[in-house]
Full PDB file with SEQRES, HELIX, SHEET, SSBOND, CRYST1, ORIGX, SCALE, CONECT and MASTER records, all heavy atoms in Angstrom:
SEQRES   1 A   35  THR ALA ALA GLY PRO ALA PRO TYR PRO ARG ILE VAL ARG          
SEQRES   2 A   35  ASP PHE GLN THR ILE ILE GLY VAL GLU ALA ARG ALA GLN          
SEQRES   3 A   35  ILE VAL ALA GLU GLU GLY ARG LEU PRO                          
HELIX    1 AA1 TYR A    8  GLN A   16  1                                   9    
HELIX    2 AA2 ILE A   18  GLU A   31  1                                  14    
CRYST1    1.000    1.000    1.000  90.00  90.00  90.00 P 1           1          
ORIGX1      1.000000  0.000000  0.000000        0.00000                         
ORIGX2      0.000000  1.000000  0.000000        0.00000                         
ORIGX3      0.000000  0.000000  1.000000        0.00000                         
SCALE1      1.000000  0.000000  0.000000        0.00000                         
SCALE2      0.000000  1.000000  0.000000        0.00000                         
SCALE3      0.000000  0.000000  1.000000        0.00000                         
ATOM      1  N   THR A   1    -137.189 -36.385-208.099  1.00  0.00           N  
ATOM      2  CA  THR A   1    -136.060 -37.296-208.191  1.00  0.00           C  
ATOM      3  C   THR A   1    -136.325 -38.561-207.380  1.00  0.00           C  
ATOM      4  O   THR A   1    -137.292 -38.629-206.615  1.00  0.00           O  
ATOM      5  CB  THR A   1    -134.755 -36.613-207.738  1.00  0.00           C  
ATOM      6  OG1 THR A   1    -133.646 -37.404-208.164  1.00  0.00           O  
ATOM      7  CG2 THR A   1    -134.706 -36.404-206.232  1.00  0.00           C  
ATOM      8  N   ALA A   2    -135.453 -39.560-207.548  1.00  0.00           N  
ATOM      9  CA  ALA A   2    -135.680 -40.870-206.941  1.00  0.00           C  
ATOM     10  C   ALA A   2    -135.182 -40.882-205.506  1.00  0.00           C  
ATOM     11  O   ALA A   2    -134.342 -41.693-205.106  1.00  0.00           O  
ATOM     12  CB  ALA A   2    -134.984 -41.945-207.763  1.00  0.00           C  
ATOM     13  N   ALA A   3    -135.675 -39.960-204.718  1.00  0.00           N  
ATOM     14  CA  ALA A   3    -135.298 -39.794-203.318  1.00  0.00           C  
ATOM     15  C   ALA A   3    -136.568 -39.507-202.531  1.00  0.00           C  
ATOM     16  O   ALA A   3    -137.673 -39.745-203.006  1.00  0.00           O  
ATOM     17  CB  ALA A   3    -134.266 -38.674-203.171  1.00  0.00           C  
ATOM     18  N   GLY A   4    -136.412 -38.984-201.309  1.00  0.00           N  
ATOM     19  CA  GLY A   4    -137.568 -38.658-200.490  1.00  0.00           C  
ATOM     20  C   GLY A   4    -138.178 -39.883-199.844  1.00  0.00           C  
ATOM     21  O   GLY A   4    -137.686 -41.009-199.961  1.00  0.00           O  
ATOM     22  N   PRO A   5    -139.287 -39.685-199.108  1.00  0.00           N  
ATOM     23  CA  PRO A   5    -139.927 -40.795-198.387  1.00  0.00           C  
ATOM     24  C   PRO A   5    -140.638 -41.754-199.332  1.00  0.00           C  
ATOM     25  O   PRO A   5    -141.098 -41.358-200.411  1.00  0.00           O  
ATOM     26  CB  PRO A   5    -140.932 -40.072-197.482  1.00  0.00           C  
ATOM     27  CG  PRO A   5    -141.280 -38.822-198.240  1.00  0.00           C  
ATOM     28  CD  PRO A   5    -140.010 -38.406-198.927  1.00  0.00           C  
ATOM     29  N   ALA A   6    -140.744 -43.009-198.941  1.00  0.00           N  
ATOM     30  CA  ALA A   6    -141.520 -43.978-199.703  1.00  0.00           C  
ATOM     31  C   ALA A   6    -142.969 -43.489-199.802  1.00  0.00           C  
ATOM     32  O   ALA A   6    -143.492 -42.935-198.835  1.00  0.00           O  
ATOM     33  CB  ALA A   6    -141.468 -45.339-199.017  1.00  0.00           C  
ATOM     34  N   PRO A   7    -143.610 -43.626-200.978  1.00  0.00           N  
ATOM     35  CA  PRO A   7    -143.194 -44.439-202.126  1.00  0.00           C  
ATOM     36  C   PRO A   7    -142.482 -43.669-203.243  1.00  0.00           C  
ATOM     37  O   PRO A   7    -142.365 -44.198-204.362  1.00  0.00           O  
ATOM     38  CB  PRO A   7    -144.532 -44.969-202.636  1.00  0.00           C  
ATOM     39  CG  PRO A   7    -145.475 -43.810-202.408  1.00  0.00           C  
ATOM     40  CD  PRO A   7    -145.024 -43.187-201.101  1.00  0.00           C  
ATOM     41  N   TYR A   8    -142.024 -42.430-203.010  1.00  0.00           N  
ATOM     42  CA  TYR A   8    -141.461 -41.637-204.108  1.00  0.00           C  
ATOM     43  C   TYR A   8    -140.276 -42.288-204.815  1.00  0.00           C  
ATOM     44  O   TYR A   8    -140.220 -42.265-206.056  1.00  0.00           O  
ATOM     45  CB  TYR A   8    -141.099 -40.234-203.618  1.00  0.00           C  
ATOM     46  CG  TYR A   8    -142.289 -39.313-203.528  1.00  0.00           C  
ATOM     47  CD1 TYR A   8    -142.787 -38.911-202.296  1.00  0.00           C  
ATOM     48  CD2 TYR A   8    -142.924 -38.848-204.677  1.00  0.00           C  
ATOM     49  CE1 TYR A   8    -143.890 -38.074-202.201  1.00  0.00           C  
ATOM     50  CE2 TYR A   8    -144.027 -38.006-204.598  1.00  0.00           C  
ATOM     51  CZ  TYR A   8    -144.509 -37.619-203.357  1.00  0.00           C  
ATOM     52  OH  TYR A   8    -145.593 -36.793-203.277  1.00  0.00           O  
ATOM     53  N   PRO A   9    -139.297 -42.866-204.102  1.00  0.00           N  
ATOM     54  CA  PRO A   9    -138.171 -43.446-204.847  1.00  0.00           C  
ATOM     55  C   PRO A   9    -138.601 -44.519-205.850  1.00  0.00           C  
ATOM     56  O   PRO A   9    -138.055 -44.605-206.953  1.00  0.00           O  
ATOM     57  CB  PRO A   9    -137.297 -44.041-203.739  1.00  0.00           C  
ATOM     58  CG  PRO A   9    -137.593 -43.190-202.544  1.00  0.00           C  
ATOM     59  CD  PRO A   9    -139.063 -42.915-202.640  1.00  0.00           C  
ATOM     60  N   ARG A  10    -139.584 -45.317-205.453  1.00  0.00           N  
ATOM     61  CA  ARG A  10    -140.072 -46.358-206.361  1.00  0.00           C  
ATOM     62  C   ARG A  10    -140.877 -45.757-207.512  1.00  0.00           C  
ATOM     63  O   ARG A  10    -140.703 -46.148-208.673  1.00  0.00           O  
ATOM     64  CB  ARG A  10    -140.938 -47.347-205.597  1.00  0.00           C  
ATOM     65  CG  ARG A  10    -141.517 -48.444-206.469  1.00  0.00           C  
ATOM     66  CD  ARG A  10    -142.560 -49.238-205.720  1.00  0.00           C  
ATOM     67  NE  ARG A  10    -143.061 -50.341-206.520  1.00  0.00           N  
ATOM     68  CZ  ARG A  10    -144.102 -51.075-206.169  1.00  0.00           C  
ATOM     69  NH1 ARG A  10    -144.732 -50.827-205.033  1.00  0.00           N  
ATOM     70  NH2 ARG A  10    -144.518 -52.064-206.936  1.00  0.00           N  
ATOM     71  N   ILE A  11    -141.764 -44.814-207.210  1.00  0.00           N  
ATOM     72  CA  ILE A  11    -142.600 -44.217-208.247  1.00  0.00           C  
ATOM     73  C   ILE A  11    -141.743 -43.540-209.308  1.00  0.00           C  
ATOM     74  O   ILE A  11    -141.920 -43.750-210.514  1.00  0.00           O  
ATOM     75  CB  ILE A  11    -143.596 -43.209-207.622  1.00  0.00           C  
ATOM     76  CG1 ILE A  11    -144.662 -43.950-206.810  1.00  0.00           C  
ATOM     77  CG2 ILE A  11    -144.246 -42.351-208.691  1.00  0.00           C  
ATOM     78  CD1 ILE A  11    -145.598 -43.041-206.035  1.00  0.00           C  
ATOM     79  N   VAL A  12    -140.803 -42.722-208.854  1.00  0.00           N  
ATOM     80  CA  VAL A  12    -139.946 -42.005-209.813  1.00  0.00           C  
ATOM     81  C   VAL A  12    -139.096 -42.993-210.602  1.00  0.00           C  
ATOM     82  O   VAL A  12    -138.948 -42.874-211.824  1.00  0.00           O  
ATOM     83  CB  VAL A  12    -139.071 -40.966-209.086  1.00  0.00           C  
ATOM     84  CG1 VAL A  12    -138.120 -40.285-210.060  1.00  0.00           C  
ATOM     85  CG2 VAL A  12    -139.959 -39.922-208.389  1.00  0.00           C  
ATOM     86  N   ARG A  13    -138.521 -43.990-209.914  1.00  0.00           N  
ATOM     87  CA  ARG A  13    -137.750 -45.025-210.599  1.00  0.00           C  
ATOM     88  C   ARG A  13    -138.572 -45.703-211.691  1.00  0.00           C  
ATOM     89  O   ARG A  13    -138.136 -45.863-212.838  1.00  0.00           O  
ATOM     90  CB  ARG A  13    -137.273 -46.054-209.570  1.00  0.00           C  
ATOM     91  CG  ARG A  13    -136.252 -47.078-210.050  1.00  0.00           C  
ATOM     92  CD  ARG A  13    -136.811 -48.428-210.498  1.00  0.00           C  
ATOM     93  NE  ARG A  13    -137.892 -49.032-209.789  1.00  0.00           N  
ATOM     94  CZ  ARG A  13    -137.798 -49.901-208.780  1.00  0.00           C  
ATOM     95  NH1 ARG A  13    -136.628 -50.209-208.260  1.00  0.00           N  
ATOM     96  NH2 ARG A  13    -138.880 -50.450-208.274  1.00  0.00           N  
ATOM     97  N   ASP A  14    -139.790 -46.104-211.341  1.00  0.00           N  
ATOM     98  CA  ASP A  14    -140.616 -46.822-212.301  1.00  0.00           C  
ATOM     99  C   ASP A  14    -140.953 -45.968-213.521  1.00  0.00           C  
ATOM    100  O   ASP A  14    -140.908 -46.452-214.659  1.00  0.00           O  
ATOM    101  CB  ASP A  14    -141.900 -47.302-211.634  1.00  0.00           C  
ATOM    102  CG  ASP A  14    -141.682 -48.458-210.667  1.00  0.00           C  
ATOM    103  OD1 ASP A  14    -140.542 -48.970-210.593  1.00  0.00           O  
ATOM    104  OD2 ASP A  14    -142.653 -48.839-209.981  1.00  0.00           O  
ATOM    105  N   PHE A  15    -141.282 -44.702-213.313  1.00  0.00           N  
ATOM    106  CA  PHE A  15    -141.613 -43.841-214.448  1.00  0.00           C  
ATOM    107  C   PHE A  15    -140.381 -43.512-215.292  1.00  0.00           C  
ATOM    108  O   PHE A  15    -140.501 -43.231-216.482  1.00  0.00           O  
ATOM    109  CB  PHE A  15    -142.291 -42.557-213.975  1.00  0.00           C  
ATOM    110  CG  PHE A  15    -143.715 -42.744-213.512  1.00  0.00           C  
ATOM    111  CD1 PHE A  15    -144.200 -42.050-212.400  1.00  0.00           C  
ATOM    112  CD2 PHE A  15    -144.579 -43.606-214.163  1.00  0.00           C  
ATOM    113  CE1 PHE A  15    -145.508 -42.218-211.962  1.00  0.00           C  
ATOM    114  CE2 PHE A  15    -145.892 -43.779-213.737  1.00  0.00           C  
ATOM    115  CZ  PHE A  15    -146.356 -43.087-212.636  1.00  0.00           C  
ATOM    116  N   GLN A  16    -139.187 -43.528-214.685  1.00  0.00           N  
ATOM    117  CA  GLN A  16    -137.966 -43.228-215.439  1.00  0.00           C  
ATOM    118  C   GLN A  16    -137.315 -44.462-216.053  1.00  0.00           C  
ATOM    119  O   GLN A  16    -136.442 -44.327-216.933  1.00  0.00           O  
ATOM    120  CB  GLN A  16    -136.950 -42.513-214.545  1.00  0.00           C  
ATOM    121  CG  GLN A  16    -137.354 -41.111-214.102  1.00  0.00           C  
ATOM    122  CD  GLN A  16    -137.432 -40.111-215.256  1.00  0.00           C  
ATOM    123  OE1 GLN A  16    -137.218 -40.441-216.422  1.00  0.00           O  
ATOM    124  NE2 GLN A  16    -137.734 -38.871-214.926  1.00  0.00           N  
ATOM    125  N   THR A  17    -137.736 -45.648-215.658  1.00  0.00           N  
ATOM    126  CA  THR A  17    -137.123 -46.867-216.186  1.00  0.00           C  
ATOM    127  C   THR A  17    -137.327 -47.010-217.689  1.00  0.00           C  
ATOM    128  O   THR A  17    -136.597 -47.749-218.355  1.00  0.00           O  
ATOM    129  CB  THR A  17    -137.663 -48.102-215.434  1.00  0.00           C  
ATOM    130  OG1 THR A  17    -137.260 -48.016-214.067  1.00  0.00           O  
ATOM    131  CG2 THR A  17    -137.136 -49.398-215.996  1.00  0.00           C  
ATOM    132  N   ILE A  18    -138.263 -46.266-218.250  1.00  0.00           N  
ATOM    133  CA  ILE A  18    -138.456 -46.286-219.694  1.00  0.00           C  
ATOM    134  C   ILE A  18    -137.168 -45.925-220.433  1.00  0.00           C  
ATOM    135  O   ILE A  18    -136.923 -46.386-221.548  1.00  0.00           O  
ATOM    136  CB  ILE A  18    -139.614 -45.344-220.109  1.00  0.00           C  
ATOM    137  CG1 ILE A  18    -140.010 -45.600-221.556  1.00  0.00           C  
ATOM    138  CG2 ILE A  18    -139.259 -43.877-219.865  1.00  0.00           C  
ATOM    139  CD1 ILE A  18    -141.296 -44.910-221.964  1.00  0.00           C  
ATOM    140  N   ILE A  19    -136.308 -45.120-219.797  1.00  0.00           N  
ATOM    141  CA  ILE A  19    -135.031 -44.752-220.417  1.00  0.00           C  
ATOM    142  C   ILE A  19    -134.201 -46.009-220.678  1.00  0.00           C  
ATOM    143  O   ILE A  19    -133.751 -46.269-221.808  1.00  0.00           O  
ATOM    144  CB  ILE A  19    -134.230 -43.787-219.523  1.00  0.00           C  
ATOM    145  CG1 ILE A  19    -135.009 -42.522-219.215  1.00  0.00           C  
ATOM    146  CG2 ILE A  19    -132.877 -43.453-220.173  1.00  0.00           C  
ATOM    147  CD1 ILE A  19    -134.346 -41.649-218.139  1.00  0.00           C  
ATOM    148  N   GLY A  20    -133.971 -46.803-219.640  1.00  0.00           N  
ATOM    149  CA  GLY A  20    -133.148 -47.996-219.778  1.00  0.00           C  
ATOM    150  C   GLY A  20    -133.811 -49.091-220.587  1.00  0.00           C  
ATOM    151  O   GLY A  20    -133.133 -49.813-221.329  1.00  0.00           O  
ATOM    152  N   VAL A  21    -135.134 -49.229-220.467  1.00  0.00           N  
ATOM    153  CA  VAL A  21    -135.852 -50.247-221.240  1.00  0.00           C  
ATOM    154  C   VAL A  21    -135.705 -49.975-222.731  1.00  0.00           C  
ATOM    155  O   VAL A  21    -135.382 -50.876-223.523  1.00  0.00           O  
ATOM    156  CB  VAL A  21    -137.331 -50.295-220.822  1.00  0.00           C  
ATOM    157  CG1 VAL A  21    -138.148 -51.133-221.800  1.00  0.00           C  
ATOM    158  CG2 VAL A  21    -137.469 -50.844-219.404  1.00  0.00           C  
ATOM    159  N   GLU A  22    -135.929 -48.718-223.125  1.00  0.00           N  
ATOM    160  CA  GLU A  22    -135.769 -48.358-224.536  1.00  0.00           C  
ATOM    161  C   GLU A  22    -134.321 -48.544-224.985  1.00  0.00           C  
ATOM    162  O   GLU A  22    -134.048 -49.117-226.046  1.00  0.00           O  
ATOM    163  CB  GLU A  22    -136.182 -46.901-224.764  1.00  0.00           C  
ATOM    164  CG  GLU A  22    -137.657 -46.652-224.730  1.00  0.00           C  
ATOM    165  CD  GLU A  22    -137.992 -45.184-224.967  1.00  0.00           C  
ATOM    166  OE1 GLU A  22    -137.063 -44.363-225.187  1.00  0.00           O  
ATOM    167  OE2 GLU A  22    -139.192 -44.851-224.934  1.00  0.00           O  
ATOM    168  N   ALA A  23    -133.386 -48.044-224.188  1.00  0.00           N  
ATOM    169  CA  ALA A  23    -131.974 -48.096-224.571  1.00  0.00           C  
ATOM    170  C   ALA A  23    -131.494 -49.536-224.714  1.00  0.00           C  
ATOM    171  O   ALA A  23    -130.708 -49.845-225.621  1.00  0.00           O  
ATOM    172  CB  ALA A  23    -131.126 -47.350-223.548  1.00  0.00           C  
ATOM    173  N   ARG A  24    -131.947 -50.404-223.843  1.00  0.00           N  
ATOM    174  CA  ARG A  24    -131.560 -51.817-223.904  1.00  0.00           C  
ATOM    175  C   ARG A  24    -131.986 -52.429-225.236  1.00  0.00           C  
ATOM    176  O   ARG A  24    -131.183 -53.090-225.922  1.00  0.00           O  
ATOM    177  CB  ARG A  24    -132.185 -52.565-222.729  1.00  0.00           C  
ATOM    178  CG  ARG A  24    -131.744 -54.006-222.588  1.00  0.00           C  
ATOM    179  CD  ARG A  24    -132.487 -54.680-221.435  1.00  0.00           C  
ATOM    180  NE  ARG A  24    -132.098 -56.069-221.331  1.00  0.00           N  
ATOM    181  CZ  ARG A  24    -131.180 -56.536-220.495  1.00  0.00           C  
ATOM    182  NH1 ARG A  24    -130.554 -55.712-219.667  1.00  0.00           N  
ATOM    183  NH2 ARG A  24    -130.874 -57.820-220.470  1.00  0.00           N  
ATOM    184  N   ALA A  25    -133.236 -52.221-225.610  1.00  0.00           N  
ATOM    185  CA  ALA A  25    -133.728 -52.769-226.879  1.00  0.00           C  
ATOM    186  C   ALA A  25    -133.022 -52.131-228.068  1.00  0.00           C  
ATOM    187  O   ALA A  25    -132.677 -52.811-229.045  1.00  0.00           O  
ATOM    188  CB  ALA A  25    -135.239 -52.565-226.978  1.00  0.00           C  
ATOM    189  N   GLN A  26    -132.796 -50.815-227.989  1.00  0.00           N  
ATOM    190  CA  GLN A  26    -132.188 -50.110-229.111  1.00  0.00           C  
ATOM    191  C   GLN A  26    -130.741 -50.534-229.354  1.00  0.00           C  
ATOM    192  O   GLN A  26    -130.315 -50.712-230.498  1.00  0.00           O  
ATOM    193  CB  GLN A  26    -132.256 -48.597-228.865  1.00  0.00           C  
ATOM    194  CG  GLN A  26    -133.664 -48.027-228.977  1.00  0.00           C  
ATOM    195  CD  GLN A  26    -133.750 -46.592-228.453  1.00  0.00           C  
ATOM    196  OE1 GLN A  26    -133.112 -46.248-227.457  1.00  0.00           O  
ATOM    197  NE2 GLN A  26    -134.533 -45.757-229.116  1.00  0.00           N  
ATOM    198  N   ILE A  27    -129.968 -50.705-228.280  1.00  0.00           N  
ATOM    199  CA  ILE A  27    -128.555 -51.050-228.476  1.00  0.00           C  
ATOM    200  C   ILE A  27    -128.402 -52.502-228.916  1.00  0.00           C  
ATOM    201  O   ILE A  27    -127.494 -52.825-229.695  1.00  0.00           O  
ATOM    202  CB  ILE A  27    -127.725 -50.735-227.213  1.00  0.00           C  
ATOM    203  CG1 ILE A  27    -126.255 -50.496-227.621  1.00  0.00           C  
ATOM    204  CG2 ILE A  27    -127.857 -51.812-226.149  1.00  0.00           C  
ATOM    205  CD1 ILE A  27    -125.455 -49.723-226.611  1.00  0.00           C  
ATOM    206  N   VAL A  28    -129.297 -53.375-228.483  1.00  0.00           N  
ATOM    207  CA  VAL A  28    -129.282 -54.750-228.984  1.00  0.00           C  
ATOM    208  C   VAL A  28    -129.603 -54.759-230.480  1.00  0.00           C  
ATOM    209  O   VAL A  28    -128.986 -55.497-231.258  1.00  0.00           O  
ATOM    210  CB  VAL A  28    -130.256 -55.634-228.181  1.00  0.00           C  
ATOM    211  CG1 VAL A  28    -130.475 -56.973-228.874  1.00  0.00           C  
ATOM    212  CG2 VAL A  28    -129.727 -55.860-226.768  1.00  0.00           C  
ATOM    213  N   ALA A  29    -130.548 -53.918-230.897  1.00  0.00           N  
ATOM    214  CA  ALA A  29    -130.872 -53.830-232.325  1.00  0.00           C  
ATOM    215  C   ALA A  29    -129.689 -53.326-233.139  1.00  0.00           C  
ATOM    216  O   ALA A  29    -129.463 -53.772-234.275  1.00  0.00           O  
ATOM    217  CB  ALA A  29    -132.076 -52.918-232.525  1.00  0.00           C  
ATOM    218  N   GLU A  30    -128.902 -52.397-232.561  1.00  0.00           N  
ATOM    219  CA  GLU A  30    -127.753 -51.828-233.273  1.00  0.00           C  
ATOM    220  C   GLU A  30    -126.537 -52.740-233.241  1.00  0.00           C  
ATOM    221  O   GLU A  30    -125.828 -52.889-234.242  1.00  0.00           O  
ATOM    222  CB  GLU A  30    -127.377 -50.478-232.647  1.00  0.00           C  
ATOM    223  CG  GLU A  30    -128.375 -49.366-232.886  1.00  0.00           C  
ATOM    224  CD  GLU A  30    -128.362 -48.883-234.329  1.00  0.00           C  
ATOM    225  OE1 GLU A  30    -127.303 -48.957-234.981  1.00  0.00           O  
ATOM    226  OE2 GLU A  30    -129.424 -48.443-234.792  1.00  0.00           O  
ATOM    227  N   GLU A  31    -126.245 -53.332-232.091  1.00  0.00           N  
ATOM    228  CA  GLU A  31    -124.983 -54.041-231.879  1.00  0.00           C  
ATOM    229  C   GLU A  31    -125.124 -55.565-231.772  1.00  0.00           C  
ATOM    230  O   GLU A  31    -124.129 -56.276-231.819  1.00  0.00           O  
ATOM    231  CB  GLU A  31    -124.302 -53.524-230.605  1.00  0.00           C  
ATOM    232  CG  GLU A  31    -123.773 -52.111-230.719  1.00  0.00           C  
ATOM    233  CD  GLU A  31    -122.579 -52.020-231.667  1.00  0.00           C  
ATOM    234  OE1 GLU A  31    -121.769 -52.974-231.716  1.00  0.00           O  
ATOM    235  OE2 GLU A  31    -122.469 -50.997-232.365  1.00  0.00           O  
ATOM    236  N   GLY A  32    -126.345 -56.035-231.583  1.00  0.00           N  
ATOM    237  CA  GLY A  32    -126.538 -57.463-231.392  1.00  0.00           C  
ATOM    238  C   GLY A  32    -126.130 -57.944-230.009  1.00  0.00           C  
ATOM    239  O   GLY A  32    -126.087 -59.155-229.746  1.00  0.00           O  
ATOM    240  N   ARG A  33    -125.862 -57.007-229.132  1.00  0.00           N  
ATOM    241  CA  ARG A  33    -125.477 -57.361-227.762  1.00  0.00           C  
ATOM    242  C   ARG A  33    -125.702 -56.168-226.848  1.00  0.00           C  
ATOM    243  O   ARG A  33    -125.993 -55.062-227.302  1.00  0.00           O  
ATOM    244  CB  ARG A  33    -124.024 -57.811-227.696  1.00  0.00           C  
ATOM    245  CG  ARG A  33    -122.982 -56.699-227.916  1.00  0.00           C  
ATOM    246  CD  ARG A  33    -121.595 -57.279-227.749  1.00  0.00           C  
ATOM    247  NE  ARG A  33    -120.507 -56.322-227.856  1.00  0.00           N  
ATOM    248  CZ  ARG A  33    -119.965 -55.666-226.829  1.00  0.00           C  
ATOM    249  NH1 ARG A  33    -120.469 -55.807-225.600  1.00  0.00           N  
ATOM    250  NH2 ARG A  33    -118.939 -54.859-226.993  1.00  0.00           N  
ATOM    251  N   LEU A  34    -125.523 -56.393-225.547  1.00  0.00           N  
ATOM    252  CA  LEU A  34    -125.666 -55.337-224.565  1.00  0.00           C  
ATOM    253  C   LEU A  34    -124.363 -54.540-224.447  1.00  0.00           C  
ATOM    254  O   LEU A  34    -123.299 -55.010-224.857  1.00  0.00           O  
ATOM    255  CB  LEU A  34    -126.052 -55.925-223.209  1.00  0.00           C  
ATOM    256  CG  LEU A  34    -127.420 -56.612-223.152  1.00  0.00           C  
ATOM    257  CD1 LEU A  34    -127.626 -57.280-221.803  1.00  0.00           C  
ATOM    258  CD2 LEU A  34    -128.540 -55.628-223.444  1.00  0.00           C  
ATOM    259  N   PRO A  35    -124.419 -53.343-223.870  1.00  0.00           N  
ATOM    260  CA  PRO A  35    -123.199 -52.536-223.736  1.00  0.00           C  
ATOM    261  C   PRO A  35    -122.270 -53.094-222.673  1.00  0.00           C  
ATOM    262  O   PRO A  35    -122.665 -53.897-221.827  1.00  0.00           O  
ATOM    263  CB  PRO A  35    -123.746 -51.167-223.323  1.00  0.00           C  
ATOM    264  CG  PRO A  35    -125.029 -51.478-222.614  1.00  0.00           C  
ATOM    265  CD  PRO A  35    -125.611 -52.645-223.350  1.00  0.00           C  
TER     266      PRO A  35                                                      
MASTER        0    0    0    2    0    0    0    6  265    1    0    3          
END                                                                             
């Protein structure tokens, strides 16, 4: 999880950011705007 000593919070965040990156592009494609 995105906790623990550095650099774990950053590493986990970076590997999980794919969720929001994909979702951002997908919802713009569906709605023409952000949520």
